[in-house]
Amino acid sequence: MYKGLLILFLIFTAIHTNSQTWKNRSTAQNYLISIKTGTSSVLTEYRRDLSGSINEMNHRPGITFSAGISKLIVENWEVGFEYEYSAFRGFQDSPDFSSYHFGHYKISLMRIEPVIYRSRVINQNFIITYHFKSPRKKRIIPFIYVKGGASKLLSELMYKSNKEIIFAKTGRDENKPNVSIYVDNFNIGIGVGAEIIVDTKISLNIMADINNVNDDNLDAVHNFKAPPQDGYKNFVSGLYGRLLVGISYNINPDRKRIADRKYLLKDTFNNKKVKEKNYPWFHNEKK
């Protein structure tokens, strides 16, 4: 699935580029490389029939990182492929898990004492971004984006006192009987942000998004509603949020994009009349 998403992105951009004449645009123009970092946190888990949320842990912020490549296909639209790593953590001083009461094969054997969890998702996503036009030609350009792709969720539940693992999903290990395999899942997300133009090729980005993972183990604890023999499992998904800052570099912007950005930079900072109008204190000090 991971390779398929990347291939889909490359095919899409190739088709779009080849559909344009060489007089208008080179195949290498308007590709952007970006890196971002910030904080991430589990928000909640919820039943897929939307009958309610489930929170068996107290969540704390973790770290997130992403890197990607994208292409501006028309003036306001951008498509791309992104690698994301997000880490989460939390605790429960008085655990009362449904998986304990309904016989999860490992958690039902745990000691009732404070526990912590650590989990992380590794996503490979296809992203579509829409940049809003600014009628007043400002340097700050808002945008919205949607994304979706393959997700790998790894998690560990352990005692707070000595970090002994109660149950983990990080891959089968014969020497660690409490460790189980993980399953690849699907994730989708939606976010908003702002692009701050630095020069004709570089921009800063501030972003926030909410993401859905199709797995009930985001907090390292499965959710049950009846004993295993009765069909037991809740159908649950997890929600997490991210706040990020980052930087983007346009490898080879076309002439129109360069001209637009030069205009924005000049209009904001370098035009004397604009300075006198918007910053009269600056003009008076120079006299």
C-alpha atoms as a PDB file:
ATOM      1  CA  MET A   1       0.000   0.000   0.000  1.00  0.00           C
ATOM      2  CA  TYR A   2       2.848   2.386   0.852  1.00  0.00           C
ATOM      3  CA  LYS A   3       4.481   2.009  -2.563  1.00  0.00           C
ATOM      4  CA  GLY A   4       1.106   2.255  -4.251  1.00  0.00           C
ATOM      5  CA  LEU A   5       0.432   5.708  -2.788  1.00  0.00           C
ATOM      6  CA  LEU A   6       3.809   6.996  -3.931  1.00  0.00           C
ATOM      7  CA  ILE A   7       3.331   5.537  -7.415  1.00  0.00           C
ATOM      8  CA  LEU A   8      -0.134   7.121  -7.597  1.00  0.00           C
ATOM      9  CA  PHE A   9       1.322  10.543  -6.785  1.00  0.00           C
ATOM     10  CA  LEU A  10       4.096  10.224  -9.366  1.00  0.00           C
ATOM     11  CA  ILE A  11       1.697   9.063 -12.081  1.00  0.00           C
ATOM     12  CA  PHE A  12      -0.719  11.896 -11.310  1.00  0.00           C
ATOM     13  CA  THR A  13       1.911  14.610 -11.488  1.00  0.00           C
ATOM     14  CA  ALA A  14       3.455  13.109 -14.616  1.00  0.00           C
ATOM     15  CA  ILE A  15       0.104  13.079 -16.408  1.00  0.00           C
ATOM     16  CA  HIS A  16      -0.604  16.651 -15.366  1.00  0.00           C
ATOM     17  CA  THR A  17       2.816  17.885 -16.429  1.00  0.00           C
ATOM     18  CA  ASN A  18       2.783  16.138 -19.788  1.00  0.00           C
ATOM     19  CA  SER A  19      -0.630  17.595 -20.554  1.00  0.00           C
ATOM     20  CA  GLN A  20       0.895  21.084 -20.569  1.00  0.00           C
ATOM     21  CA  THR A  21       3.035  22.526 -23.356  1.00  0.00           C
ATOM     22  CA  TRP A  22       6.753  22.959 -22.861  1.00  0.00           C
ATOM     23  CA  LYS A  23       6.326  26.640 -23.675  1.00  0.00           C
ATOM     24  CA  ASN A  24       4.337  27.147 -20.492  1.00  0.00           C
ATOM     25  CA  ARG A  25       6.120  25.020 -17.946  1.00  0.00           C
ATOM     26  CA  SER A  26       9.052  22.662 -17.453  1.00  0.00           C
ATOM     27  CA  THR A  27       8.516  19.198 -16.000  1.00  0.00           C
ATOM     28  CA  ALA A  28      10.737  20.104 -13.055  1.00  0.00           C
ATOM     29  CA  GLN A  29       8.954  23.311 -12.104  1.00  0.00           C
ATOM     30  CA  ASN A  30       6.914  23.980  -8.975  1.00  0.00           C
ATOM     31  CA  TYR A  31       7.972  20.945  -6.967  1.00  0.00           C
ATOM     32  CA  LEU A  32       8.202  21.678  -3.250  1.00  0.00           C
ATOM     33  CA  ILE A  33      10.160  19.871  -0.562  1.00  0.00           C
ATOM     34  CA  SER A  34       8.945  20.435   2.991  1.00  0.00           C
ATOM     35  CA  ILE A  35       9.804  19.393   6.522  1.00  0.00           C
ATOM     36  CA  LYS A  36       7.678  20.043   9.599  1.00  0.00           C
ATOM     37  CA  THR A  37       7.801  19.318  13.306  1.00  0.00           C
ATOM     38  CA  GLY A  38       5.609  19.981  16.312  1.00  0.00           C
ATOM     39  CA  THR A  39       3.480  18.358  18.962  1.00  0.00           C
ATOM     40  CA  SER A  40       0.870  15.602  18.768  1.00  0.00           C
ATOM     41  CA  SER A  41      -1.655  14.163  21.196  1.00  0.00           C
ATOM     42  CA  VAL A  42      -4.405  11.575  21.302  1.00  0.00           C
ATOM     43  CA  LEU A  43      -7.763  13.369  21.493  1.00  0.00           C
ATOM     44  CA  THR A  44     -10.175  10.495  22.023  1.00  0.00           C
ATOM     45  CA  GLU A  45     -11.303   7.114  20.799  1.00  0.00           C
ATOM     46  CA  TYR A  46     -14.856   6.712  19.550  1.00  0.00           C
ATOM     47  CA  ARG A  47     -17.256   3.972  18.533  1.00  0.00           C
ATOM     48  CA  ARG A  48     -17.629   3.758  14.782  1.00  0.00           C
ATOM     49  CA  ASP A  49     -21.410   3.790  15.062  1.00  0.00           C
ATOM     50  CA  LEU A  50     -20.949   7.275  16.627  1.00  0.00           C
ATOM     51  CA  SER A  51     -22.700   6.174  19.819  1.00  0.00           C
ATOM     52  CA  GLY A  52     -20.058   7.766  22.027  1.00  0.00           C
ATOM     53  CA  SER A  53     -16.400   8.298  22.849  1.00  0.00           C
ATOM     54  CA  ILE A  54     -14.156   6.138  25.015  1.00  0.00           C
ATOM     55  CA  ASN A  55     -11.362   7.539  27.168  1.00  0.00           C
ATOM     56  CA  GLU A  56      -9.563   5.062  29.406  1.00  0.00           C
ATOM     57  CA  MET A  57      -6.318   7.063  29.634  1.00  0.00           C
ATOM     58  CA  ASN A  58      -5.083  10.552  30.465  1.00  0.00           C
ATOM     59  CA  HIS A  59      -3.229  11.775  27.397  1.00  0.00           C
ATOM     60  CA  ARG A  60      -0.075  13.878  27.244  1.00  0.00           C
ATOM     61  CA  PRO A  61       1.562  15.628  24.254  1.00  0.00           C
ATOM     62  CA  GLY A  62       4.191  13.863  22.207  1.00  0.00           C
ATOM     63  CA  ILE A  63       6.264  14.856  19.199  1.00  0.00           C
ATOM     64  CA  THR A  64       5.506  14.717  15.497  1.00  0.00           C
ATOM     65  CA  PHE A  65       7.629  15.011  12.392  1.00  0.00           C
ATOM     66  CA  SER A  66       6.840  14.932   8.692  1.00  0.00           C
ATOM     67  CA  ALA A  67       8.672  15.290   5.405  1.00  0.00           C
ATOM     68  CA  GLY A  68       7.193  15.393   1.952  1.00  0.00           C
ATOM     69  CA  ILE A  69       7.302  16.353  -1.675  1.00  0.00           C
ATOM     70  CA  SER A  70       4.472  18.080  -3.515  1.00  0.00           C
ATOM     71  CA  LYS A  71       3.680  19.862  -6.746  1.00  0.00           C
ATOM     72  CA  LEU A  72       1.661  22.966  -7.556  1.00  0.00           C
ATOM     73  CA  ILE A  73      -0.575  21.760 -10.374  1.00  0.00           C
ATOM     74  CA  VAL A  74      -2.550  24.974 -10.879  1.00  0.00           C
ATOM     75  CA  GLU A  75      -2.440  28.352  -9.184  1.00  0.00           C
ATOM     76  CA  ASN A  76      -4.254  27.328  -5.994  1.00  0.00           C
ATOM     77  CA  TRP A  77      -3.999  23.531  -5.893  1.00  0.00           C
ATOM     78  CA  GLU A  78      -1.154  21.390  -4.642  1.00  0.00           C
ATOM     79  CA  VAL A  79      -0.852  17.590  -4.479  1.00  0.00           C
ATOM     80  CA  GLY A  80       1.805  15.690  -2.600  1.00  0.00           C
ATOM     81  CA  PHE A  81       3.117  12.664  -0.762  1.00  0.00           C
ATOM     82  CA  GLU A  82       4.133  12.841   2.906  1.00  0.00           C
ATOM     83  CA  TYR A  83       5.880  10.624   5.440  1.00  0.00           C
ATOM     84  CA  GLU A  84       4.665  11.233   9.004  1.00  0.00           C
ATOM     85  CA  TYR A  85       5.872  10.041  12.394  1.00  0.00           C
ATOM     86  CA  SER A  86       3.755  10.956  15.439  1.00  0.00           C
ATOM     87  CA  ALA A  87       4.355   9.785  19.011  1.00  0.00           C
ATOM     88  CA  PHE A  88       1.861   9.744  21.897  1.00  0.00           C
ATOM     89  CA  ARG A  89       1.968   9.056  25.596  1.00  0.00           C
ATOM     90  CA  GLY A  90      -0.315   9.013  28.611  1.00  0.00           C
ATOM     91  CA  PHE A  91      -1.070   7.432  31.954  1.00  0.00           C
ATOM     92  CA  GLN A  92      -3.768   6.024  34.204  1.00  0.00           C
ATOM     93  CA  ASP A  93      -3.252   5.956  37.973  1.00  0.00           C
ATOM     94  CA  SER A  94      -6.449   3.964  38.597  1.00  0.00           C
ATOM     95  CA  PRO A  95      -6.796   1.568  35.657  1.00  0.00           C
ATOM     96  CA  ASP A  96     -10.259   0.121  35.110  1.00  0.00           C
ATOM     97  CA  PHE A  97     -10.027  -1.139  31.553  1.00  0.00           C
ATOM     98  CA  SER A  98     -12.811  -2.964  29.761  1.00  0.00           C
ATOM     99  CA  SER A  99     -10.163  -5.335  28.414  1.00  0.00           C
ATOM    100  CA  TYR A 100      -9.299  -6.273  32.014  1.00  0.00           C
ATOM    101  CA  HIS A 101     -12.884  -7.088  32.927  1.00  0.00           C
ATOM    102  CA  PHE A 102     -13.703  -8.918  29.702  1.00  0.00           C
ATOM    103  CA  GLY A 103     -10.726 -11.192  29.509  1.00  0.00           C
ATOM    104  CA  HIS A 104      -8.073  -9.816  27.166  1.00  0.00           C
ATOM    105  CA  TYR A 105      -5.480 -12.588  27.151  1.00  0.00           C
ATOM    106  CA  LYS A 106      -2.716 -10.353  28.594  1.00  0.00           C
ATOM    107  CA  ILE A 107      -4.326  -7.290  30.162  1.00  0.00           C
ATOM    108  CA  SER A 108      -6.722  -9.437  32.227  1.00  0.00           C
ATOM    109  CA  LEU A 109      -3.648 -10.727  34.087  1.00  0.00           C
ATOM    110  CA  MET A 110      -2.222  -7.316  34.967  1.00  0.00           C
ATOM    111  CA  ARG A 111      -1.725  -5.972  38.464  1.00  0.00           C
ATOM    112  CA  ILE A 112      -4.016  -3.068  39.379  1.00  0.00           C
ATOM    113  CA  GLU A 113      -1.512  -0.265  39.779  1.00  0.00           C
ATOM    114  CA  PRO A 114      -0.606   2.914  37.843  1.00  0.00           C
ATOM    115  CA  VAL A 115       0.249   2.368  34.196  1.00  0.00           C
ATOM    116  CA  ILE A 116       1.590   4.414  31.298  1.00  0.00           C
ATOM    117  CA  TYR A 117       1.389   3.980  27.563  1.00  0.00           C
ATOM    118  CA  ARG A 118       3.513   4.924  24.600  1.00  0.00           C
ATOM    119  CA  SER A 119       2.348   4.664  21.028  1.00  0.00           C
ATOM    120  CA  ARG A 120       3.344   5.964  17.634  1.00  0.00           C
ATOM    121  CA  VAL A 121       1.919   6.058  14.151  1.00  0.00           C
ATOM    122  CA  ILE A 122       3.927   5.939  10.959  1.00  0.00           C
ATOM    123  CA  ASN A 123       1.881   7.230   8.042  1.00  0.00           C
ATOM    124  CA  GLN A 124       2.489   7.509   4.335  1.00  0.00           C
ATOM    125  CA  ASN A 125      -0.136   9.866   2.969  1.00  0.00           C
ATOM    126  CA  PHE A 126      -1.404  11.393  -0.235  1.00  0.00           C
ATOM    127  CA  ILE A 127      -2.247  15.080   0.402  1.00  0.00           C
ATOM    128  CA  ILE A 128      -4.344  17.626  -1.482  1.00  0.00           C
ATOM    129  CA  THR A 129      -3.989  21.309  -0.496  1.00  0.00           C
ATOM    130  CA  TYR A 130      -5.989  24.360  -1.539  1.00  0.00           C
ATOM    131  CA  HIS A 131      -4.369  27.802  -1.140  1.00  0.00           C
ATOM    132  CA  PHE A 132      -6.781  30.710  -0.790  1.00  0.00           C
ATOM    133  CA  LYS A 133      -6.230  33.775  -2.921  1.00  0.00           C
ATOM    134  CA  SER A 134      -5.584  36.985  -1.045  1.00  0.00           C
ATOM    135  CA  PRO A 135      -7.386  39.912  -2.715  1.00  0.00           C
ATOM    136  CA  ARG A 136      -5.018  42.369  -1.033  1.00  0.00           C
ATOM    137  CA  LYS A 137      -1.875  40.445  -1.959  1.00  0.00           C
ATOM    138  CA  LYS A 138      -0.656  39.685   1.536  1.00  0.00           C
ATOM    139  CA  ARG A 139       2.457  37.666   2.369  1.00  0.00           C
ATOM    140  CA  ILE A 140       0.425  35.309   4.577  1.00  0.00           C
ATOM    141  CA  ILE A 141      -1.608  32.858   2.502  1.00  0.00           C
ATOM    142  CA  PRO A 142      -4.112  30.584   4.316  1.00  0.00           C
ATOM    143  CA  PHE A 143      -4.760  27.060   3.098  1.00  0.00           C
ATOM    144  CA  ILE A 144      -6.713  23.903   3.899  1.00  0.00           C
ATOM    145  CA  TYR A 145      -5.749  20.311   3.193  1.00  0.00           C
ATOM    146  CA  VAL A 146      -7.028  16.759   3.324  1.00  0.00           C
ATOM    147  CA  LYS A 147      -4.904  13.642   3.484  1.00  0.00           C
ATOM    148  CA  GLY A 148      -5.196   9.896   3.644  1.00  0.00           C
ATOM    149  CA  GLY A 149      -3.065   6.809   3.365  1.00  0.00           C
ATOM    150  CA  ALA A 150      -1.526   3.783   4.995  1.00  0.00           C
ATOM    151  CA  SER A 151      -0.874   3.802   8.736  1.00  0.00           C
ATOM    152  CA  LYS A 152       1.242   1.608  10.985  1.00  0.00           C
ATOM    153  CA  LEU A 153       0.372   1.812  14.703  1.00  0.00           C
ATOM    154  CA  LEU A 154       2.826   0.566  17.343  1.00  0.00           C
ATOM    155  CA  SER A 155       2.001   0.679  21.062  1.00  0.00           C
ATOM    156  CA  GLU A 156       3.178  -0.369  24.515  1.00  0.00           C
ATOM    157  CA  LEU A 157       1.303  -0.558  27.827  1.00  0.00           C
ATOM    158  CA  MET A 158       3.529  -0.811  30.892  1.00  0.00           C
ATOM    159  CA  TYR A 159       3.608  -0.353  34.644  1.00  0.00           C
ATOM    160  CA  LYS A 160       4.559   3.136  35.741  1.00  0.00           C
ATOM    161  CA  SER A 161       6.817   1.946  38.548  1.00  0.00           C
ATOM    162  CA  ASN A 162       9.306  -0.246  36.696  1.00  0.00           C
ATOM    163  CA  LYS A 163       8.343   0.091  32.991  1.00  0.00           C
ATOM    164  CA  GLU A 164       7.548  -3.627  32.793  1.00  0.00           C
ATOM    165  CA  ILE A 165       5.558  -4.307  29.644  1.00  0.00           C
ATOM    166  CA  ILE A 166       2.010  -5.536  30.181  1.00  0.00           C
ATOM    167  CA  PHE A 167       1.046  -5.718  26.528  1.00  0.00           C
ATOM    168  CA  ALA A 168       2.593  -4.352  23.344  1.00  0.00           C
ATOM    169  CA  LYS A 169       1.919  -4.367  19.623  1.00  0.00           C
ATOM    170  CA  THR A 170       5.325  -3.847  18.065  1.00  0.00           C
ATOM    171  CA  GLY A 171       5.881  -7.097  16.169  1.00  0.00           C
ATOM    172  CA  ARG A 172       6.117 -10.737  17.128  1.00  0.00           C
ATOM    173  CA  ASP A 173       9.088 -11.604  19.344  1.00  0.00           C
ATOM    174  CA  GLU A 174       9.441 -15.152  20.699  1.00  0.00           C
ATOM    175  CA  ASN A 175      11.564 -13.845  23.572  1.00  0.00           C
ATOM    176  CA  LYS A 176       8.858 -11.390  24.632  1.00  0.00           C
ATOM    177  CA  PRO A 177       5.585 -13.249  25.237  1.00  0.00           C
ATOM    178  CA  ASN A 178       3.680 -10.019  25.950  1.00  0.00           C
ATOM    179  CA  VAL A 179       4.438  -8.608  22.503  1.00  0.00           C
ATOM    180  CA  SER A 180       1.947  -9.074  19.690  1.00  0.00           C
ATOM    181  CA  ILE A 181       1.999  -8.280  15.995  1.00  0.00           C
ATOM    182  CA  TYR A 182       0.718  -4.968  14.680  1.00  0.00           C
ATOM    183  CA  VAL A 183      -1.701  -4.551  11.784  1.00  0.00           C
ATOM    184  CA  ASP A 184      -1.473  -1.981   9.000  1.00  0.00           C
ATOM    185  CA  ASN A 185      -4.425   0.398   8.970  1.00  0.00           C
ATOM    186  CA  PHE A 186      -5.832   3.382   7.119  1.00  0.00           C
ATOM    187  CA  ASN A 187      -5.847   7.009   8.250  1.00  0.00           C
ATOM    188  CA  ILE A 188      -7.507  10.197   7.050  1.00  0.00           C
ATOM    189  CA  GLY A 189      -7.103  13.782   8.212  1.00  0.00           C
ATOM    190  CA  ILE A 190      -8.099  17.376   7.616  1.00  0.00           C
ATOM    191  CA  GLY A 191      -6.211  20.518   8.527  1.00  0.00           C
ATOM    192  CA  VAL A 192      -5.740  24.256   8.151  1.00  0.00           C
ATOM    193  CA  GLY A 193      -2.650  26.383   7.960  1.00  0.00           C
ATOM    194  CA  ALA A 194      -0.909  29.495   6.741  1.00  0.00           C
ATOM    195  CA  GLU A 195       2.028  29.956   4.392  1.00  0.00           C
ATOM    196  CA  ILE A 196       4.344  32.861   5.204  1.00  0.00           C
ATOM    197  CA  ILE A 197       6.393  33.948   2.201  1.00  0.00           C
ATOM    198  CA  VAL A 198      10.097  34.480   2.932  1.00  0.00           C
ATOM    199  CA  ASP A 199      11.365  34.840  -0.632  1.00  0.00           C
ATOM    200  CA  THR A 200      10.593  33.535  -4.111  1.00  0.00           C
ATOM    201  CA  LYS A 201      11.511  29.949  -3.178  1.00  0.00           C
ATOM    202  CA  ILE A 202      11.221  29.638   0.601  1.00  0.00           C
ATOM    203  CA  SER A 203       8.168  29.846   2.835  1.00  0.00           C
ATOM    204  CA  LEU A 204       7.345  29.049   6.442  1.00  0.00           C
ATOM    205  CA  ASN A 205       4.263  27.049   7.376  1.00  0.00           C
ATOM    206  CA  ILE A 206       2.056  26.924  10.470  1.00  0.00           C
ATOM    207  CA  MET A 207      -0.458  24.074  10.524  1.00  0.00           C
ATOM    208  CA  ALA A 208      -2.994  22.236  12.677  1.00  0.00           C
ATOM    209  CA  ASP A 209      -4.883  19.061  11.831  1.00  0.00           C
ATOM    210  CA  ILE A 210      -7.140  16.332  13.185  1.00  0.00           C
ATOM    211  CA  ASN A 211      -6.534  12.745  12.130  1.00  0.00           C
ATOM    212  CA  ASN A 212      -8.505   9.519  12.302  1.00  0.00           C
ATOM    213  CA  VAL A 213      -6.802   6.123  12.625  1.00  0.00           C
ATOM    214  CA  ASN A 214      -8.831   3.012  11.911  1.00  0.00           C
ATOM    215  CA  ASP A 215      -7.559   1.166  14.999  1.00  0.00           C
ATOM    216  CA  ASP A 216      -8.725   0.867  18.618  1.00  0.00           C
ATOM    217  CA  ASN A 217      -5.227   0.649  20.073  1.00  0.00           C
ATOM    218  CA  LEU A 218      -4.067   4.272  19.892  1.00  0.00           C
ATOM    219  CA  ASP A 219      -3.835   4.349  23.710  1.00  0.00           C
ATOM    220  CA  ALA A 220      -2.330   0.804  23.823  1.00  0.00           C
ATOM    221  CA  VAL A 221      -5.541  -0.689  25.259  1.00  0.00           C
ATOM    222  CA  HIS A 222      -8.173  -2.589  23.281  1.00  0.00           C
ATOM    223  CA  ASN A 223     -11.817  -1.823  24.023  1.00  0.00           C
ATOM    224  CA  PHE A 224     -14.316  -4.551  24.925  1.00  0.00           C
ATOM    225  CA  LYS A 225     -18.040  -4.649  25.568  1.00  0.00           C
ATOM    226  CA  ALA A 226     -18.507  -8.335  26.410  1.00  0.00           C
ATOM    227  CA  PRO A 227     -16.409 -11.448  27.087  1.00  0.00           C
ATOM    228  CA  PRO A 228     -14.452 -12.755  24.076  1.00  0.00           C
ATOM    229  CA  GLN A 229     -16.759 -15.695  23.479  1.00  0.00           C
ATOM    230  CA  ASP A 230     -19.693 -13.305  22.985  1.00  0.00           C
ATOM    231  CA  GLY A 231     -18.184 -11.361  20.127  1.00  0.00           C
ATOM    232  CA  TYR A 232     -16.713  -8.869  22.574  1.00  0.00           C
ATOM    233  CA  LYS A 233     -14.888  -6.167  20.653  1.00  0.00           C
ATOM    234  CA  ASN A 234     -16.090  -2.625  20.244  1.00  0.00           C
ATOM    235  CA  PHE A 235     -15.553  -1.238  16.765  1.00  0.00           C
ATOM    236  CA  VAL A 236     -13.470   1.775  17.744  1.00  0.00           C
ATOM    237  CA  SER A 237     -11.282   4.303  15.924  1.00  0.00           C
ATOM    238  CA  GLY A 238      -8.865   6.850  17.341  1.00  0.00           C
ATOM    239  CA  LEU A 239      -8.550  10.609  16.863  1.00  0.00           C
ATOM    240  CA  TYR A 240      -5.364  12.585  17.365  1.00  0.00           C
ATOM    241  CA  GLY A 241      -4.347  16.171  16.723  1.00  0.00           C
ATOM    242  CA  ARG A 242      -1.143  17.899  15.651  1.00  0.00           C
ATOM    243  CA  LEU A 243       0.295  21.432  15.764  1.00  0.00           C
ATOM    244  CA  LEU A 244       3.232  21.984  13.422  1.00  0.00           C
ATOM    245  CA  VAL A 245       5.674  24.530  12.096  1.00  0.00           C
ATOM    246  CA  GLY A 246       7.802  23.920   9.049  1.00  0.00           C
ATOM    247  CA  ILE A 247       9.625  25.192   6.020  1.00  0.00           C
ATOM    248  CA  SER A 248       9.079  24.597   2.304  1.00  0.00           C
ATOM    249  CA  TYR A 249      11.505  25.021  -0.566  1.00  0.00           C
ATOM    250  CA  ASN A 250      10.367  25.350  -4.184  1.00  0.00           C
ATOM    251  CA  ILE A 251      12.967  23.562  -6.291  1.00  0.00           C
ATOM    252  CA  ASN A 252      12.297  25.450  -9.511  1.00  0.00           C
ATOM    253  CA  PRO A 253       9.347  27.867  -9.438  1.00  0.00           C
ATOM    254  CA  ASP A 254       7.938  29.059 -12.741  1.00  0.00           C
ATOM    255  CA  ARG A 255       8.148  32.710 -13.757  1.00  0.00           C
ATOM    256  CA  LYS A 256       4.572  33.510 -12.763  1.00  0.00           C
ATOM    257  CA  ARG A 257       5.093  32.206  -9.226  1.00  0.00           C
ATOM    258  CA  ILE A 258       8.359  34.139  -8.898  1.00  0.00           C
ATOM    259  CA  ALA A 259       6.668  37.316 -10.125  1.00  0.00           C
ATOM    260  CA  ASP A 260       3.750  36.880  -7.711  1.00  0.00           C
ATOM    261  CA  ARG A 261       6.064  36.399  -4.757  1.00  0.00           C
ATOM    262  CA  LYS A 262       8.295  39.307  -5.674  1.00  0.00           C
ATOM    263  CA  TYR A 263       5.201  41.476  -5.849  1.00  0.00           C
ATOM    264  CA  LEU A 264       4.040  40.307  -2.419  1.00  0.00           C
ATOM    265  CA  LEU A 265       7.445  40.917  -0.878  1.00  0.00           C
ATOM    266  CA  LYS A 266       7.818  44.324  -2.492  1.00  0.00           C
ATOM    267  CA  ASP A 267       4.283  45.412  -1.672  1.00  0.00           C
ATOM    268  CA  THR A 268       4.726  44.538   1.985  1.00  0.00           C
ATOM    269  CA  PHE A 269       8.229  45.715   2.782  1.00  0.00           C
ATOM    270  CA  ASN A 270      10.092  47.522   0.026  1.00  0.00           C
ATOM    271  CA  ASN A 271       7.582  49.923  -1.485  1.00  0.00           C
ATOM    272  CA  LYS A 272       8.157  53.414  -0.064  1.00  0.00           C
ATOM    273  CA  LYS A 273       4.547  54.554  -0.495  1.00  0.00           C
ATOM    274  CA  VAL A 274       3.258  51.448   1.240  1.00  0.00           C
ATOM    275  CA  LYS A 275       5.650  52.065   4.141  1.00  0.00           C
ATOM    276  CA  GLU A 276       4.529  55.664   4.502  1.00  0.00           C
ATOM    277  CA  LYS A 277       0.872  54.634   4.475  1.00  0.00           C
ATOM    278  CA  ASN A 278       1.040  51.595   6.742  1.00  0.00           C
ATOM    279  CA  TYR A 279       3.939  52.598   9.001  1.00  0.00           C
ATOM    280  CA  PRO A 280       3.836  56.411   9.458  1.00  0.00           C
ATOM    281  CA  TRP A 281       5.998  56.175  12.570  1.00  0.00           C
ATOM    282  CA  PHE A 282       8.779  54.627  10.465  1.00  0.00           C
ATOM    283  CA  HIS A 283       8.578  57.396   7.850  1.00  0.00           C
ATOM    284  CA  ASN A 284       8.632  60.162  10.482  1.00  0.00           C
ATOM    285  CA  GLU A 285      11.678  58.717  12.229  1.00  0.00           C
ATOM    286  CA  LYS A 286      13.654  58.741   8.987  1.00  0.00           C
ATOM    287  CA  LYS A 287      13.115  62.486   8.453  1.00  0.00           C
END
